[in-house]
Amino acid sequence: MGTSNSWTSLGCCVSIPPTARADARFILPTAYYLTRYRLPRSLQAKLLAIGVGIGAQGALGWFMVKSGLDEQIITDKAVPRVSQYRLAAHLSAALALYVGMVYTAIGLRRDVKMTGAVKAGGSDVVAKLNTVLTYPAVRRYRGLVHLAAAMVFFTAASGAFVAGLDAGLVYNEFPTMGGRLVPPTDELLDTRYAKRTDKKDNWWRNMLENPVTAQFDHRLFVSVQEGSIDIRADRQATTTFAVLLSLPFIARSRALRSVLPKSTRRLANLTAVAAVGQVTLGITTLLYLVPVPLAATHQAGSVVLLTCLMGLMGSLRRPGKLVQALQRQMSKSTRLV
């Protein structure tokens, strides 16, 4: 769930002018709506944050490109490369900006639909949803969905290190790495990457600078403790893929089947399908030595998966304050009549 190694080529980086145009296309309509209508303060803050995020993304993109502008590269006629740290920051910022925009849009669309339902006489819709969201089983499921989204985001961001280090070009096999489920410890925790004399920075430098460890970390979550690799297989540290696959099955459990909205169950199924497709793309990209079309599709797959999760989170979102205020007003009017 990450980028291809072609992302580190300067020719594929996002330049400032397109970002500036995107910022203008967002700021002008936003300024119109802010001056023409009385938007809720929370929505105003979100729109402002998105506008700032678009501008910051352009600056961060140039900061990433700058790391590859080295005279030595020109002298050696080498392929320009950017810092994997800056690449990861740029990708993470882009994903965060996308998530913020999509989740804001989903919330607005949902509130508009609920407002229409309340005006049509369905004032109990909001009350029923608020009641359902207080059930312990629903609250736990909602927390699991948020956890899954965070895990997908983290896994996608780790793909930037796989791309920046060309880690997709080592161990082109699955599920093993060199014939083993876990590569040798001296490869995962290579002391040559440590810069401190006491080697205390060895574990995190390997995670972020060692291609073998970067690929291994992208495959699954691990814990590095005292020089040994501890693969977490307990209930609270499962792989991202396992958590995503569990969502539709949990949604069909006895405790949730009769209370969850139909849209939630449909989106849980869609999320699991997207997860299967994304993992399949990732494995295929690795086995075929990271061809650009497959790698780009794999990158897009992570965005599709995040979009499905945003929709799933939106289906479990509480109605906005204005919708709830309208529902209370309609209820009072009904009682008076």
C-alpha atoms as a PDB file:
ATOM      1  CA  MET A   1       0.000   0.000   0.000  1.00  0.00           C
ATOM      2  CA  GLY A   2       2.467   2.606  -1.041  1.00  0.00           C
ATOM      3  CA  THR A   3       4.326   4.307  -3.797  1.00  0.00           C
ATOM      4  CA  SER A   4       6.397   2.859  -6.580  1.00  0.00           C
ATOM      5  CA  ASN A   5      10.111   3.374  -6.810  1.00  0.00           C
ATOM      6  CA  SER A   6       9.507   5.662  -9.786  1.00  0.00           C
ATOM      7  CA  TRP A   7       8.173   8.266  -7.371  1.00  0.00           C
ATOM      8  CA  THR A   8      11.707   9.137  -6.407  1.00  0.00           C
ATOM      9  CA  SER A   9      12.522  10.337  -9.908  1.00  0.00           C
ATOM     10  CA  LEU A  10      12.406  14.108 -10.076  1.00  0.00           C
ATOM     11  CA  GLY A  11      10.377  13.957 -13.242  1.00  0.00           C
ATOM     12  CA  CYS A  12       7.478  12.391 -11.341  1.00  0.00           C
ATOM     13  CA  CYS A  13       7.388  14.863  -8.481  1.00  0.00           C
ATOM     14  CA  VAL A  14       4.560  17.318  -7.972  1.00  0.00           C
ATOM     15  CA  SER A  15       5.671  20.800  -8.963  1.00  0.00           C
ATOM     16  CA  ILE A  16       4.602  24.025  -7.358  1.00  0.00           C
ATOM     17  CA  PRO A  17       2.619  25.610 -10.250  1.00  0.00           C
ATOM     18  CA  PRO A  18      -0.072  22.839 -10.411  1.00  0.00           C
ATOM     19  CA  THR A  19      -0.416  23.062  -6.634  1.00  0.00           C
ATOM     20  CA  ALA A  20      -0.802  26.826  -6.839  1.00  0.00           C
ATOM     21  CA  ARG A  21      -3.534  26.420  -9.451  1.00  0.00           C
ATOM     22  CA  ALA A  22      -5.293  23.861  -7.259  1.00  0.00           C
ATOM     23  CA  ASP A  23      -5.074  26.262  -4.326  1.00  0.00           C
ATOM     24  CA  ALA A  24      -6.651  29.036  -6.428  1.00  0.00           C
ATOM     25  CA  ARG A  25      -9.439  26.739  -7.635  1.00  0.00           C
ATOM     26  CA  PHE A  26     -10.230  25.956  -4.013  1.00  0.00           C
ATOM     27  CA  ILE A  27      -9.758  29.376  -2.416  1.00  0.00           C
ATOM     28  CA  LEU A  28     -11.952  31.355  -4.838  1.00  0.00           C
ATOM     29  CA  PRO A  29     -15.122  29.232  -4.415  1.00  0.00           C
ATOM     30  CA  THR A  30     -14.461  28.963  -0.668  1.00  0.00           C
ATOM     31  CA  ALA A  31     -14.211  32.753  -0.343  1.00  0.00           C
ATOM     32  CA  TYR A  32     -17.509  33.077  -2.203  1.00  0.00           C
ATOM     33  CA  TYR A  33     -19.362  30.677   0.076  1.00  0.00           C
ATOM     34  CA  LEU A  34     -17.857  32.179   3.216  1.00  0.00           C
ATOM     35  CA  THR A  35     -18.986  35.679   2.230  1.00  0.00           C
ATOM     36  CA  ARG A  36     -22.324  34.691   0.654  1.00  0.00           C
ATOM     37  CA  TYR A  37     -23.579  32.239   3.281  1.00  0.00           C
ATOM     38  CA  ARG A  38     -23.391  31.850   7.055  1.00  0.00           C
ATOM     39  CA  LEU A  39     -21.517  28.571   7.262  1.00  0.00           C
ATOM     40  CA  PRO A  40     -21.073  26.758  10.609  1.00  0.00           C
ATOM     41  CA  ARG A  41     -17.845  27.669  12.374  1.00  0.00           C
ATOM     42  CA  SER A  42     -16.657  24.061  12.324  1.00  0.00           C
ATOM     43  CA  LEU A  43     -17.052  23.965   8.538  1.00  0.00           C
ATOM     44  CA  GLN A  44     -15.258  27.302   8.173  1.00  0.00           C
ATOM     45  CA  ALA A  45     -12.330  25.906  10.170  1.00  0.00           C
ATOM     46  CA  LYS A  46     -12.218  22.781   8.001  1.00  0.00           C
ATOM     47  CA  LEU A  47     -12.240  24.784   4.784  1.00  0.00           C
ATOM     48  CA  LEU A  48      -9.475  27.021   6.098  1.00  0.00           C
ATOM     49  CA  ALA A  49      -7.391  23.994   7.100  1.00  0.00           C
ATOM     50  CA  ILE A  50      -7.843  22.436   3.652  1.00  0.00           C
ATOM     51  CA  GLY A  51      -6.773  25.661   1.939  1.00  0.00           C
ATOM     52  CA  VAL A  52      -3.663  25.928   4.109  1.00  0.00           C
ATOM     53  CA  GLY A  53      -2.968  22.240   3.491  1.00  0.00           C
ATOM     54  CA  ILE A  54      -3.019  22.674  -0.279  1.00  0.00           C
ATOM     55  CA  GLY A  55      -0.519  25.518  -0.068  1.00  0.00           C
ATOM     56  CA  ALA A  56       1.687  23.653   2.390  1.00  0.00           C
ATOM     57  CA  GLN A  57       1.657  20.625   0.113  1.00  0.00           C
ATOM     58  CA  GLY A  58       3.195  22.663  -2.688  1.00  0.00           C
ATOM     59  CA  ALA A  59       5.927  23.966  -0.390  1.00  0.00           C
ATOM     60  CA  LEU A  60       6.593  20.465   0.910  1.00  0.00           C
ATOM     61  CA  GLY A  61       6.767  19.181  -2.658  1.00  0.00           C
ATOM     62  CA  TRP A  62       9.501  21.682  -3.498  1.00  0.00           C
ATOM     63  CA  PHE A  63      11.323  20.783  -0.266  1.00  0.00           C
ATOM     64  CA  MET A  64      11.280  17.158  -1.433  1.00  0.00           C
ATOM     65  CA  VAL A  65      12.509  17.999  -4.937  1.00  0.00           C
ATOM     66  CA  LYS A  66      15.289  20.145  -3.522  1.00  0.00           C
ATOM     67  CA  SER A  67      16.799  17.096  -1.806  1.00  0.00           C
ATOM     68  CA  GLY A  68      17.559  15.658  -5.253  1.00  0.00           C
ATOM     69  CA  LEU A  69      19.190  18.796  -6.669  1.00  0.00           C
ATOM     70  CA  ASP A  70      22.787  17.834  -6.037  1.00  0.00           C
ATOM     71  CA  GLU A  71      25.659  18.879  -8.297  1.00  0.00           C
ATOM     72  CA  GLN A  72      27.316  15.522  -7.710  1.00  0.00           C
ATOM     73  CA  ILE A  73      24.352  13.830  -9.411  1.00  0.00           C
ATOM     74  CA  ILE A  74      24.879  15.991 -12.509  1.00  0.00           C
ATOM     75  CA  THR A  75      28.636  15.366 -12.477  1.00  0.00           C
ATOM     76  CA  ASP A  76      28.168  11.586 -12.201  1.00  0.00           C
ATOM     77  CA  LYS A  77      25.222  11.637 -14.638  1.00  0.00           C
ATOM     78  CA  ALA A  78      23.271   9.645 -12.096  1.00  0.00           C
ATOM     79  CA  VAL A  79      19.491   9.345 -11.796  1.00  0.00           C
ATOM     80  CA  PRO A  80      18.199  12.142  -9.539  1.00  0.00           C
ATOM     81  CA  ARG A  81      16.949  10.787  -6.208  1.00  0.00           C
ATOM     82  CA  VAL A  82      15.051  12.486  -3.433  1.00  0.00           C
ATOM     83  CA  SER A  83      15.237  11.869   0.293  1.00  0.00           C
ATOM     84  CA  GLN A  84      12.972   9.032   1.435  1.00  0.00           C
ATOM     85  CA  TYR A  85      12.168  11.082   4.536  1.00  0.00           C
ATOM     86  CA  ARG A  86      10.925  14.032   2.504  1.00  0.00           C
ATOM     87  CA  LEU A  87       9.121  11.709   0.101  1.00  0.00           C
ATOM     88  CA  ALA A  88       7.297  10.088   3.025  1.00  0.00           C
ATOM     89  CA  ALA A  89       6.411  13.500   4.455  1.00  0.00           C
ATOM     90  CA  HIS A  90       5.093  14.670   1.077  1.00  0.00           C
ATOM     91  CA  LEU A  91       3.007  11.518   0.567  1.00  0.00           C
ATOM     92  CA  SER A  92       1.673  11.557   4.133  1.00  0.00           C
ATOM     93  CA  ALA A  93       0.653  15.205   3.794  1.00  0.00           C
ATOM     94  CA  ALA A  94      -1.088  14.475   0.488  1.00  0.00           C
ATOM     95  CA  LEU A  95      -2.992  11.551   1.981  1.00  0.00           C
ATOM     96  CA  ALA A  96      -3.949  13.568   5.063  1.00  0.00           C
ATOM     97  CA  LEU A  97      -5.197  16.400   2.842  1.00  0.00           C
ATOM     98  CA  TYR A  98      -7.201  13.965   0.713  1.00  0.00           C
ATOM     99  CA  VAL A  99      -8.712  12.274   3.760  1.00  0.00           C
ATOM    100  CA  GLY A 100      -9.721  15.630   5.212  1.00  0.00           C
ATOM    101  CA  MET A 101     -11.385  16.741   1.984  1.00  0.00           C
ATOM    102  CA  VAL A 102     -13.247  13.470   1.412  1.00  0.00           C
ATOM    103  CA  TYR A 103     -14.432  13.099   5.003  1.00  0.00           C
ATOM    104  CA  THR A 104     -15.662  16.718   5.027  1.00  0.00           C
ATOM    105  CA  ALA A 105     -17.580  16.130   1.771  1.00  0.00           C
ATOM    106  CA  ILE A 106     -19.077  12.886   3.089  1.00  0.00           C
ATOM    107  CA  GLY A 107     -20.222  14.618   6.266  1.00  0.00           C
ATOM    108  CA  LEU A 108     -21.852  17.462   4.320  1.00  0.00           C
ATOM    109  CA  ARG A 109     -23.629  15.091   1.947  1.00  0.00           C
ATOM    110  CA  ARG A 110     -24.888  12.978   4.824  1.00  0.00           C
ATOM    111  CA  ASP A 111     -26.195  16.018   6.700  1.00  0.00           C
ATOM    112  CA  VAL A 112     -27.987  17.287   3.586  1.00  0.00           C
ATOM    113  CA  LYS A 113     -29.731  13.933   3.147  1.00  0.00           C
ATOM    114  CA  MET A 114     -30.725  13.825   6.815  1.00  0.00           C
ATOM    115  CA  THR A 115     -32.005  17.390   6.660  1.00  0.00           C
ATOM    116  CA  GLY A 116     -34.226  16.404   3.758  1.00  0.00           C
ATOM    117  CA  ALA A 117     -35.496  13.387   5.677  1.00  0.00           C
ATOM    118  CA  VAL A 118     -36.273  15.481   8.760  1.00  0.00           C
ATOM    119  CA  LYS A 119     -38.130  18.112   6.713  1.00  0.00           C
ATOM    120  CA  ALA A 120     -40.140  15.349   5.057  1.00  0.00           C
ATOM    121  CA  GLY A 121     -41.436  14.281   8.443  1.00  0.00           C
ATOM    122  CA  GLY A 122     -38.825  11.767   9.474  1.00  0.00           C
ATOM    123  CA  SER A 123     -37.660  13.587  12.587  1.00  0.00           C
ATOM    124  CA  ASP A 124     -37.107  10.269  14.351  1.00  0.00           C
ATOM    125  CA  VAL A 125     -34.297   9.342  11.922  1.00  0.00           C
ATOM    126  CA  VAL A 126     -31.738  11.432  13.776  1.00  0.00           C
ATOM    127  CA  ALA A 127     -32.889  10.215  17.192  1.00  0.00           C
ATOM    128  CA  LYS A 128     -32.691   6.565  16.104  1.00  0.00           C
ATOM    129  CA  LEU A 129     -29.189   6.990  14.700  1.00  0.00           C
ATOM    130  CA  ASN A 130     -27.984   8.741  17.853  1.00  0.00           C
ATOM    131  CA  THR A 131     -29.407   5.901  19.921  1.00  0.00           C
ATOM    132  CA  VAL A 132     -27.762   3.224  17.762  1.00  0.00           C
ATOM    133  CA  LEU A 133     -24.390   4.937  18.022  1.00  0.00           C
ATOM    134  CA  THR A 134     -24.529   4.698  21.828  1.00  0.00           C
ATOM    135  CA  TYR A 135     -24.725   0.890  21.822  1.00  0.00           C
ATOM    136  CA  PRO A 136     -21.483  -0.610  23.216  1.00  0.00           C
ATOM    137  CA  ALA A 137     -21.133  -3.056  20.295  1.00  0.00           C
ATOM    138  CA  VAL A 138     -21.541  -0.238  17.762  1.00  0.00           C
ATOM    139  CA  ARG A 139     -19.064   1.956  19.608  1.00  0.00           C
ATOM    140  CA  ARG A 140     -16.497  -0.860  19.573  1.00  0.00           C
ATOM    141  CA  TYR A 141     -17.073  -1.427  15.866  1.00  0.00           C
ATOM    142  CA  ARG A 142     -16.736   2.275  15.179  1.00  0.00           C
ATOM    143  CA  GLY A 143     -13.435   2.268  17.048  1.00  0.00           C
ATOM    144  CA  LEU A 144     -12.248  -0.706  14.979  1.00  0.00           C
ATOM    145  CA  VAL A 145     -13.077   1.143  11.758  1.00  0.00           C
ATOM    146  CA  HIS A 146     -11.060   4.160  12.914  1.00  0.00           C
ATOM    147  CA  LEU A 147      -8.183   1.841  13.849  1.00  0.00           C
ATOM    148  CA  ALA A 148      -8.309   0.205  10.410  1.00  0.00           C
ATOM    149  CA  ALA A 149      -8.166   3.625   8.724  1.00  0.00           C
ATOM    150  CA  ALA A 150      -5.141   4.605  10.813  1.00  0.00           C
ATOM    151  CA  MET A 151      -3.411   1.314   9.961  1.00  0.00           C
ATOM    152  CA  VAL A 152      -4.042   1.775   6.235  1.00  0.00           C
ATOM    153  CA  PHE A 153      -2.708   5.324   6.412  1.00  0.00           C
ATOM    154  CA  PHE A 154       0.417   4.163   8.255  1.00  0.00           C
ATOM    155  CA  THR A 155       0.991   1.285   5.827  1.00  0.00           C
ATOM    156  CA  ALA A 156       0.568   3.579   2.824  1.00  0.00           C
ATOM    157  CA  ALA A 157       3.030   6.087   4.300  1.00  0.00           C
ATOM    158  CA  SER A 158       5.550   3.300   4.896  1.00  0.00           C
ATOM    159  CA  GLY A 159       5.352   2.596   1.164  1.00  0.00           C
ATOM    160  CA  ALA A 160       7.176   5.878   0.593  1.00  0.00           C
ATOM    161  CA  PHE A 161      10.234   4.421   2.318  1.00  0.00           C
ATOM    162  CA  VAL A 162       9.929   1.297   0.160  1.00  0.00           C
ATOM    163  CA  ALA A 163       9.910   3.581  -2.892  1.00  0.00           C
ATOM    164  CA  GLY A 164      12.643   5.930  -1.720  1.00  0.00           C
ATOM    165  CA  LEU A 165      15.004   3.080  -0.883  1.00  0.00           C
ATOM    166  CA  ASP A 166      14.126   0.951  -3.934  1.00  0.00           C
ATOM    167  CA  ALA A 167      13.173  -1.721  -1.415  1.00  0.00           C
ATOM    168  CA  GLY A 168      10.746  -3.213  -3.921  1.00  0.00           C
ATOM    169  CA  LEU A 169      13.739  -4.477  -5.891  1.00  0.00           C
ATOM    170  CA  VAL A 170      14.988  -6.777  -3.118  1.00  0.00           C
ATOM    171  CA  TYR A 171      13.407 -10.079  -2.164  1.00  0.00           C
ATOM    172  CA  ASN A 172      10.982 -10.237  -5.092  1.00  0.00           C
ATOM    173  CA  GLU A 173       9.031 -13.158  -3.665  1.00  0.00           C
ATOM    174  CA  PHE A 174       6.030 -13.688  -1.435  1.00  0.00           C
ATOM    175  CA  PRO A 175       5.290 -14.677   1.300  1.00  0.00           C
ATOM    176  CA  THR A 176       8.906 -15.569   2.014  1.00  0.00           C
ATOM    177  CA  MET A 177      12.001 -13.368   1.899  1.00  0.00           C
ATOM    178  CA  GLY A 178      15.007 -15.386   0.815  1.00  0.00           C
ATOM    179  CA  GLY A 179      13.162 -18.618   1.502  1.00  0.00           C
ATOM    180  CA  ARG A 180      12.241 -17.542   5.050  1.00  0.00           C
ATOM    181  CA  LEU A 181       9.208 -15.825   6.538  1.00  0.00           C
ATOM    182  CA  VAL A 182      11.549 -13.503   8.429  1.00  0.00           C
ATOM    183  CA  PRO A 183      14.932 -12.496   6.953  1.00  0.00           C
ATOM    184  CA  PRO A 184      18.069 -12.982   9.083  1.00  0.00           C
ATOM    185  CA  THR A 185      18.328 -10.577  12.013  1.00  0.00           C
ATOM    186  CA  ASP A 186      21.710  -9.308  10.827  1.00  0.00           C
ATOM    187  CA  GLU A 187      19.999  -8.110   7.619  1.00  0.00           C
ATOM    188  CA  LEU A 188      17.032  -6.529   9.387  1.00  0.00           C
ATOM    189  CA  LEU A 189      19.195  -4.879  12.037  1.00  0.00           C
ATOM    190  CA  ASP A 190      22.371  -4.238  10.078  1.00  0.00           C
ATOM    191  CA  THR A 191      24.766  -2.371  12.374  1.00  0.00           C
ATOM    192  CA  ARG A 192      26.298  -0.537   9.403  1.00  0.00           C
ATOM    193  CA  TYR A 193      23.300   1.821   9.412  1.00  0.00           C
ATOM    194  CA  ALA A 194      23.937   2.987  12.980  1.00  0.00           C
ATOM    195  CA  LYS A 195      25.710   6.332  13.321  1.00  0.00           C
ATOM    196  CA  ARG A 196      26.020   6.500  17.092  1.00  0.00           C
ATOM    197  CA  THR A 197      28.919   4.754  18.772  1.00  0.00           C
ATOM    198  CA  ASP A 198      26.564   3.022  21.239  1.00  0.00           C
ATOM    199  CA  LYS A 199      24.394   1.733  18.347  1.00  0.00           C
ATOM    200  CA  LYS A 200      21.209   2.887  20.055  1.00  0.00           C
ATOM    201  CA  ASP A 201      19.970   4.380  16.792  1.00  0.00           C
ATOM    202  CA  ASN A 202      20.429   1.084  14.952  1.00  0.00           C
ATOM    203  CA  TRP A 203      16.809  -0.104  15.198  1.00  0.00           C
ATOM    204  CA  TRP A 204      15.089   3.008  13.843  1.00  0.00           C
ATOM    205  CA  ARG A 205      17.731   3.734  11.200  1.00  0.00           C
ATOM    206  CA  ASN A 206      17.252   0.234   9.836  1.00  0.00           C
ATOM    207  CA  MET A 207      13.489   0.762   9.722  1.00  0.00           C
ATOM    208  CA  LEU A 208      13.875   3.996   7.752  1.00  0.00           C
ATOM    209  CA  GLU A 209      17.110   3.486   5.788  1.00  0.00           C
ATOM    210  CA  ASN A 210      17.579  -0.263   5.270  1.00  0.00           C
ATOM    211  CA  PRO A 211      15.740  -1.526   2.133  1.00  0.00           C
ATOM    212  CA  VAL A 212      15.288  -5.034   3.584  1.00  0.00           C
ATOM    213  CA  THR A 213      13.755  -3.767   6.822  1.00  0.00           C
ATOM    214  CA  ALA A 214      11.627  -1.194   4.986  1.00  0.00           C
ATOM    215  CA  GLN A 215      10.100  -3.902   2.804  1.00  0.00           C
ATOM    216  CA  PHE A 216       9.605  -6.220   5.772  1.00  0.00           C
ATOM    217  CA  ASP A 217       7.900  -3.462   7.765  1.00  0.00           C
ATOM    218  CA  HIS A 218       5.653  -2.700   4.818  1.00  0.00           C
ATOM    219  CA  ARG A 219       4.600  -6.345   4.696  1.00  0.00           C
ATOM    220  CA  LEU A 220       3.517  -6.485   8.299  1.00  0.00           C
ATOM    221  CA  PHE A 221       3.782  -4.657  11.600  1.00  0.00           C
ATOM    222  CA  VAL A 222       6.652  -5.779  13.780  1.00  0.00           C
ATOM    223  CA  SER A 223       8.235  -4.830  17.065  1.00  0.00           C
ATOM    224  CA  VAL A 224      11.994  -4.517  17.413  1.00  0.00           C
ATOM    225  CA  GLN A 225      13.070  -5.180  20.944  1.00  0.00           C
ATOM    226  CA  GLU A 226      16.609  -5.667  22.209  1.00  0.00           C
ATOM    227  CA  GLY A 227      17.974  -6.731  18.845  1.00  0.00           C
ATOM    228  CA  SER A 228      15.328  -9.369  18.098  1.00  0.00           C
ATOM    229  CA  ILE A 229      12.275  -9.311  15.840  1.00  0.00           C
ATOM    230  CA  ASP A 230       9.007  -9.999  17.604  1.00  0.00           C
ATOM    231  CA  ILE A 231       6.125 -10.483  15.163  1.00  0.00           C
ATOM    232  CA  ARG A 232       2.991  -9.370  16.970  1.00  0.00           C
ATOM    233  CA  ALA A 233       0.217 -11.910  16.484  1.00  0.00           C
ATOM    234  CA  ASP A 234      -1.970 -11.088  19.453  1.00  0.00           C
ATOM    235  CA  ARG A 235      -5.470  -9.658  19.192  1.00  0.00           C
ATOM    236  CA  GLN A 236      -4.420  -6.030  19.366  1.00  0.00           C
ATOM    237  CA  ALA A 237      -1.602  -6.096  16.820  1.00  0.00           C
ATOM    238  CA  THR A 238      -2.936  -7.952  13.804  1.00  0.00           C
ATOM    239  CA  THR A 239      -1.943  -7.032  10.292  1.00  0.00           C
ATOM    240  CA  THR A 240      -3.773  -4.304   8.421  1.00  0.00           C
ATOM    241  CA  PHE A 241      -5.132  -6.841   5.962  1.00  0.00           C
ATOM    242  CA  ALA A 242      -6.587  -9.063   8.689  1.00  0.00           C
ATOM    243  CA  VAL A 243      -8.324  -6.115  10.348  1.00  0.00           C
ATOM    244  CA  LEU A 244      -9.834  -4.988   7.043  1.00  0.00           C
ATOM    245  CA  LEU A 245     -11.092  -8.478   6.210  1.00  0.00           C
ATOM    246  CA  SER A 246     -12.727  -8.763   9.628  1.00  0.00           C
ATOM    247  CA  LEU A 247     -14.917  -5.671   9.157  1.00  0.00           C
ATOM    248  CA  PRO A 248     -17.764  -7.233   7.083  1.00  0.00           C
ATOM    249  CA  PHE A 249     -17.834 -10.379   9.241  1.00  0.00           C
ATOM    250  CA  ILE A 250     -18.084  -8.399  12.464  1.00  0.00           C
ATOM    251  CA  ALA A 251     -20.792  -6.224  10.892  1.00  0.00           C
ATOM    252  CA  ARG A 252     -22.839  -9.399  10.308  1.00  0.00           C
ATOM    253  CA  SER A 253     -22.464 -10.605  13.902  1.00  0.00           C
ATOM    254  CA  ARG A 254     -25.537 -11.113  16.026  1.00  0.00           C
ATOM    255  CA  ALA A 255     -24.896  -8.000  18.111  1.00  0.00           C
ATOM    256  CA  LEU A 256     -24.613  -5.683  15.076  1.00  0.00           C
ATOM    257  CA  ARG A 257     -26.601  -7.227  12.253  1.00  0.00           C
ATOM    258  CA  SER A 258     -29.951  -5.766  13.291  1.00  0.00           C
ATOM    259  CA  VAL A 259     -28.750  -2.325  14.400  1.00  0.00           C
ATOM    260  CA  LEU A 260     -26.115  -1.194  11.898  1.00  0.00           C
ATOM    261  CA  PRO A 261     -27.360   0.867   8.932  1.00  0.00           C
ATOM    262  CA  LYS A 262     -27.496  -1.031   5.651  1.00  0.00           C
ATOM    263  CA  SER A 263     -25.034   1.443   4.171  1.00  0.00           C
ATOM    264  CA  THR A 264     -22.502   0.492   6.846  1.00  0.00           C
ATOM    265  CA  ARG A 265     -22.697  -3.198   5.997  1.00  0.00           C
ATOM    266  CA  ARG A 266     -22.396  -2.483   2.264  1.00  0.00           C
ATOM    267  CA  LEU A 267     -19.374  -0.234   2.784  1.00  0.00           C
ATOM    268  CA  ALA A 268     -17.739  -2.840   5.038  1.00  0.00           C
ATOM    269  CA  ASN A 269     -18.063  -5.381   2.205  1.00  0.00           C
ATOM    270  CA  LEU A 270     -16.678  -2.864  -0.293  1.00  0.00           C
ATOM    271  CA  THR A 271     -13.725  -2.108   2.001  1.00  0.00           C
ATOM    272  CA  ALA A 272     -12.838  -5.804   2.266  1.00  0.00           C
ATOM    273  CA  VAL A 273     -12.988  -6.187  -1.531  1.00  0.00           C
ATOM    274  CA  ALA A 274     -10.748  -3.132  -1.960  1.00  0.00           C
ATOM    275  CA  ALA A 275      -8.311  -4.582   0.578  1.00  0.00           C
ATOM    276  CA  VAL A 276      -8.081  -7.880  -1.305  1.00  0.00           C
ATOM    277  CA  GLY A 277      -7.480  -6.010  -4.549  1.00  0.00           C
ATOM    278  CA  GLN A 278      -4.826  -3.786  -2.965  1.00  0.00           C
ATOM    279  CA  VAL A 279      -2.897  -6.680  -1.426  1.00  0.00           C
ATOM    280  CA  THR A 280      -3.067  -8.585  -4.723  1.00  0.00           C
ATOM    281  CA  LEU A 281      -1.696  -5.534  -6.547  1.00  0.00           C
ATOM    282  CA  GLY A 282       1.095  -5.171  -3.988  1.00  0.00           C
ATOM    283  CA  ILE A 283       2.203  -8.785  -4.302  1.00  0.00           C
ATOM    284  CA  THR A 284       2.017  -8.672  -8.099  1.00  0.00           C
ATOM    285  CA  THR A 285       4.041  -5.444  -8.182  1.00  0.00           C
ATOM    286  CA  LEU A 286       6.725  -7.051  -6.032  1.00  0.00           C
ATOM    287  CA  LEU A 287       6.902 -10.291  -8.045  1.00  0.00           C
ATOM    288  CA  TYR A 288       7.254  -8.397 -11.343  1.00  0.00           C
ATOM    289  CA  LEU A 289      10.091  -6.152 -10.076  1.00  0.00           C
ATOM    290  CA  VAL A 290       7.985  -3.009  -9.644  1.00  0.00           C
ATOM    291  CA  PRO A 291       6.923  -2.055 -13.183  1.00  0.00           C
ATOM    292  CA  VAL A 292       5.668   1.533 -13.263  1.00  0.00           C
ATOM    293  CA  PRO A 293       2.057   0.782 -14.393  1.00  0.00           C
ATOM    294  CA  LEU A 294       1.561  -1.782 -11.628  1.00  0.00           C
ATOM    295  CA  ALA A 295       3.267   0.387  -9.038  1.00  0.00           C
ATOM    296  CA  ALA A 296       1.106   3.387  -9.969  1.00  0.00           C
ATOM    297  CA  THR A 297      -2.032   1.237  -9.769  1.00  0.00           C
ATOM    298  CA  HIS A 298      -0.917  -0.019  -6.379  1.00  0.00           C
ATOM    299  CA  GLN A 299      -0.481   3.573  -5.251  1.00  0.00           C
ATOM    300  CA  ALA A 300      -3.953   4.466  -6.484  1.00  0.00           C
ATOM    301  CA  GLY A 301      -5.307   1.378  -4.721  1.00  0.00           C
ATOM    302  CA  SER A 302      -4.267   2.770  -1.346  1.00  0.00           C
ATOM    303  CA  VAL A 303      -6.286   5.921  -2.076  1.00  0.00           C
ATOM    304  CA  VAL A 304      -9.306   3.827  -3.101  1.00  0.00           C
ATOM    305  CA  LEU A 305      -9.022   1.828   0.113  1.00  0.00           C
ATOM    306  CA  LEU A 306      -8.806   4.985   2.213  1.00  0.00           C
ATOM    307  CA  THR A 307     -11.862   6.343   0.392  1.00  0.00           C
ATOM    308  CA  CYS A 308     -13.859   3.213   1.243  1.00  0.00           C
ATOM    309  CA  LEU A 309     -12.861   3.576   4.889  1.00  0.00           C
ATOM    310  CA  MET A 310     -13.842   7.259   4.897  1.00  0.00           C
ATOM    311  CA  GLY A 311     -17.262   6.236   3.607  1.00  0.00           C
ATOM    312  CA  LEU A 312     -17.528   3.552   6.277  1.00  0.00           C
ATOM    313  CA  MET A 313     -16.557   6.040   8.979  1.00  0.00           C
ATOM    314  CA  GLY A 314     -19.061   8.515   7.569  1.00  0.00           C
ATOM    315  CA  SER A 315     -21.886   5.982   7.831  1.00  0.00           C
ATOM    316  CA  LEU A 316     -21.181   5.772  11.578  1.00  0.00           C
ATOM    317  CA  ARG A 317     -20.833   9.522  12.017  1.00  0.00           C
ATOM    318  CA  ARG A 318     -23.150  11.432  14.303  1.00  0.00           C
ATOM    319  CA  PRO A 319     -25.438  13.938  12.557  1.00  0.00           C
ATOM    320  CA  GLY A 320     -24.172  17.508  12.491  1.00  0.00           C
ATOM    321  CA  LYS A 321     -25.264  20.068  15.062  1.00  0.00           C
ATOM    322  CA  LEU A 322     -27.544  21.868  12.610  1.00  0.00           C
ATOM    323  CA  VAL A 323     -29.324  18.631  11.707  1.00  0.00           C
ATOM    324  CA  GLN A 324     -29.835  17.787  15.351  1.00  0.00           C
ATOM    325  CA  ALA A 325     -31.119  21.311  16.053  1.00  0.00           C
ATOM    326  CA  LEU A 326     -33.572  20.992  13.144  1.00  0.00           C
ATOM    327  CA  GLN A 327     -34.722  17.614  14.463  1.00  0.00           C
ATOM    328  CA  ARG A 328     -35.405  19.074  17.908  1.00  0.00           C
ATOM    329  CA  GLN A 329     -37.316  21.982  16.375  1.00  0.00           C
ATOM    330  CA  MET A 330     -39.413  19.653  14.255  1.00  0.00           C
ATOM    331  CA  SER A 331     -40.151  17.457  17.282  1.00  0.00           C
ATOM    332  CA  LYS A 332     -41.335  20.512  19.281  1.00  0.00           C
ATOM    333  CA  SER A 333     -43.552  21.615  16.391  1.00  0.00           C
ATOM    334  CA  THR A 334     -45.086  18.150  16.171  1.00  0.00           C
ATOM    335  CA  ARG A 335     -45.847  18.076  19.878  1.00  0.00           C
ATOM    336  CA  LEU A 336     -47.455  21.532  19.723  1.00  0.00           C
ATOM    337  CA  VAL A 337     -49.705  20.424  16.891  1.00  0.00           C
END
